[in-house]
Amino acid sequence: MPLEAGTVVRSAAGHDSGSWFVVLSAEKGFVRLADGKTRPLEKPKRKSEKHIRKTNTRLDLSSINTNKKLREALREFRGNEGGNQLV
């Protein structure tokens, strides 16, 4: 199942392993990710789909137009490591 924009994911490989991100776009096995801090909306990270783990949560990107709002939306994932089910 392809990833959709707004899906919350967790990095499973690389130096950012364990970090939470939101998918901004997806194309041919790669996604563009942002977290509002190390990877702002203006400069998303390109990462292979096989190096991330999808969750069942989607965020409404139309309401997230600043990095601060993105950080606030992801805060619950950072503080609650076992609370959200990974797919």
C-alpha atoms as a PDB file:
ATOM      1  CA  MET A   1       0.000   0.000   0.000  1.00  0.00           C
ATOM      2  CA  PRO A   2       1.552   3.333  -1.026  1.00  0.00           C
ATOM      3  CA  LEU A   3       2.173   6.005   1.567  1.00  0.00           C
ATOM      4  CA  GLU A   4       0.015   9.121   1.442  1.00  0.00           C
ATOM      5  CA  ALA A   5       0.863  12.692   2.350  1.00  0.00           C
ATOM      6  CA  GLY A   6       0.197  13.343   6.021  1.00  0.00           C
ATOM      7  CA  THR A   7       1.043   9.817   7.226  1.00  0.00           C
ATOM      8  CA  VAL A   8       3.080   9.752  10.427  1.00  0.00           C
ATOM      9  CA  VAL A   9       6.114   7.464  10.119  1.00  0.00           C
ATOM     10  CA  ARG A  10       9.125   6.453  12.181  1.00  0.00           C
ATOM     11  CA  SER A  11      12.603   6.177  10.735  1.00  0.00           C
ATOM     12  CA  ALA A  12      13.917   2.609  10.976  1.00  0.00           C
ATOM     13  CA  ALA A  13      17.382   3.100   9.472  1.00  0.00           C
ATOM     14  CA  GLY A  14      20.055   5.754   9.202  1.00  0.00           C
ATOM     15  CA  HIS A  15      21.428   8.354  11.587  1.00  0.00           C
ATOM     16  CA  ASP A  16      17.865   9.533  12.305  1.00  0.00           C
ATOM     17  CA  SER A  17      16.656   6.054  13.303  1.00  0.00           C
ATOM     18  CA  GLY A  18      13.826   6.233  15.822  1.00  0.00           C
ATOM     19  CA  SER A  19      12.774   9.765  14.834  1.00  0.00           C
ATOM     20  CA  TRP A  20       9.176  10.633  13.965  1.00  0.00           C
ATOM     21  CA  PHE A  21       8.318  12.333  10.660  1.00  0.00           C
ATOM     22  CA  VAL A  22       5.349  13.240   8.497  1.00  0.00           C
ATOM     23  CA  VAL A  23       5.246  12.225   4.837  1.00  0.00           C
ATOM     24  CA  LEU A  24       4.960  15.294   2.607  1.00  0.00           C
ATOM     25  CA  SER A  25       5.027  13.422  -0.699  1.00  0.00           C
ATOM     26  CA  ALA A  26       5.786   9.986  -2.126  1.00  0.00           C
ATOM     27  CA  GLU A  27       7.200   8.921  -5.503  1.00  0.00           C
ATOM     28  CA  LYS A  28       8.682   5.669  -6.867  1.00  0.00           C
ATOM     29  CA  GLY A  29       9.784   4.031  -3.634  1.00  0.00           C
ATOM     30  CA  PHE A  30      10.933   7.249  -1.955  1.00  0.00           C
ATOM     31  CA  VAL A  31       9.219   9.713   0.352  1.00  0.00           C
ATOM     32  CA  ARG A  32       9.863  13.301   1.409  1.00  0.00           C
ATOM     33  CA  LEU A  33       9.776  13.657   5.203  1.00  0.00           C
ATOM     34  CA  ALA A  34       9.702  16.590   7.601  1.00  0.00           C
ATOM     35  CA  ASP A  35       9.667  16.900  11.379  1.00  0.00           C
ATOM     36  CA  GLY A  36       9.712  20.688  11.797  1.00  0.00           C
ATOM     37  CA  LYS A  37      13.051  20.749  13.605  1.00  0.00           C
ATOM     38  CA  THR A  38      15.992  18.941  12.011  1.00  0.00           C
ATOM     39  CA  ARG A  39      14.042  18.642   8.757  1.00  0.00           C
ATOM     40  CA  PRO A  40      11.824  21.696   8.239  1.00  0.00           C
ATOM     41  CA  LEU A  41       8.933  21.852   5.783  1.00  0.00           C
ATOM     42  CA  GLU A  42      11.088  23.946   3.432  1.00  0.00           C
ATOM     43  CA  LYS A  43      13.828  21.295   3.219  1.00  0.00           C
ATOM     44  CA  PRO A  44      12.327  17.801   3.548  1.00  0.00           C
ATOM     45  CA  LYS A  45      14.438  14.652   3.761  1.00  0.00           C
ATOM     46  CA  ARG A  46      14.325  12.144   0.892  1.00  0.00           C
ATOM     47  CA  LYS A  47      14.245   8.607   2.264  1.00  0.00           C
ATOM     48  CA  SER A  48      13.538   5.147   0.891  1.00  0.00           C
ATOM     49  CA  GLU A  49      10.161   3.666   1.850  1.00  0.00           C
ATOM     50  CA  LYS A  50      11.879   0.507   3.092  1.00  0.00           C
ATOM     51  CA  HIS A  51      13.739   2.525   5.748  1.00  0.00           C
ATOM     52  CA  ILE A  52      10.607   3.820   7.485  1.00  0.00           C
ATOM     53  CA  ARG A  53       7.779   2.262   9.486  1.00  0.00           C
ATOM     54  CA  LYS A  54       4.262   3.500   8.836  1.00  0.00           C
ATOM     55  CA  THR A  55       1.679   4.196  11.553  1.00  0.00           C
ATOM     56  CA  ASN A  56      -2.098   4.209  11.293  1.00  0.00           C
ATOM     57  CA  THR A  57      -2.173   7.963  11.936  1.00  0.00           C
ATOM     58  CA  ARG A  58      -2.616  10.666   9.306  1.00  0.00           C
ATOM     59  CA  LEU A  59      -2.359  14.396   9.925  1.00  0.00           C
ATOM     60  CA  ASP A  60      -4.257  17.045   7.996  1.00  0.00           C
ATOM     61  CA  LEU A  61      -1.431  18.886   6.204  1.00  0.00           C
ATOM     62  CA  SER A  62      -3.698  21.782   5.222  1.00  0.00           C
ATOM     63  CA  SER A  63      -3.754  22.882   8.884  1.00  0.00           C
ATOM     64  CA  ILE A  64       0.014  22.367   9.328  1.00  0.00           C
ATOM     65  CA  ASN A  65       1.605  25.282   7.515  1.00  0.00           C
ATOM     66  CA  THR A  66       4.471  26.113   9.885  1.00  0.00           C
ATOM     67  CA  ASN A  67       7.304  24.124  11.416  1.00  0.00           C
ATOM     68  CA  LYS A  68       6.047  24.967  14.902  1.00  0.00           C
ATOM     69  CA  LYS A  69       2.640  23.405  14.178  1.00  0.00           C
ATOM     70  CA  LEU A  70       4.349  20.319  12.756  1.00  0.00           C
ATOM     71  CA  ARG A  71       6.514  19.927  15.882  1.00  0.00           C
ATOM     72  CA  GLU A  72       3.428  20.285  18.082  1.00  0.00           C
ATOM     73  CA  ALA A  73       1.555  17.642  16.045  1.00  0.00           C
ATOM     74  CA  LEU A  74       4.461  15.176  16.384  1.00  0.00           C
ATOM     75  CA  ARG A  75       5.017  15.898  20.099  1.00  0.00           C
ATOM     76  CA  GLU A  76       2.550  13.207  21.194  1.00  0.00           C
ATOM     77  CA  PHE A  77       4.519  10.579  19.267  1.00  0.00           C
ATOM     78  CA  ARG A  78       7.851  11.570  20.781  1.00  0.00           C
ATOM     79  CA  GLY A  79       6.499  11.479  24.324  1.00  0.00           C
ATOM     80  CA  ASN A  80       4.466   8.301  23.928  1.00  0.00           C
ATOM     81  CA  GLU A  81       6.841   5.796  22.341  1.00  0.00           C
ATOM     82  CA  GLY A  82       4.658   2.726  22.903  1.00  0.00           C
ATOM     83  CA  GLY A  83       1.271   4.336  22.431  1.00  0.00           C
ATOM     84  CA  ASN A  84       0.903   4.296  18.660  1.00  0.00           C
ATOM     85  CA  GLN A  85       0.793   1.113  16.720  1.00  0.00           C
ATOM     86  CA  LEU A  86       3.283   0.726  13.888  1.00  0.00           C
ATOM     87  CA  VAL A  87       2.164  -1.122  10.773  1.00  0.00           C
END
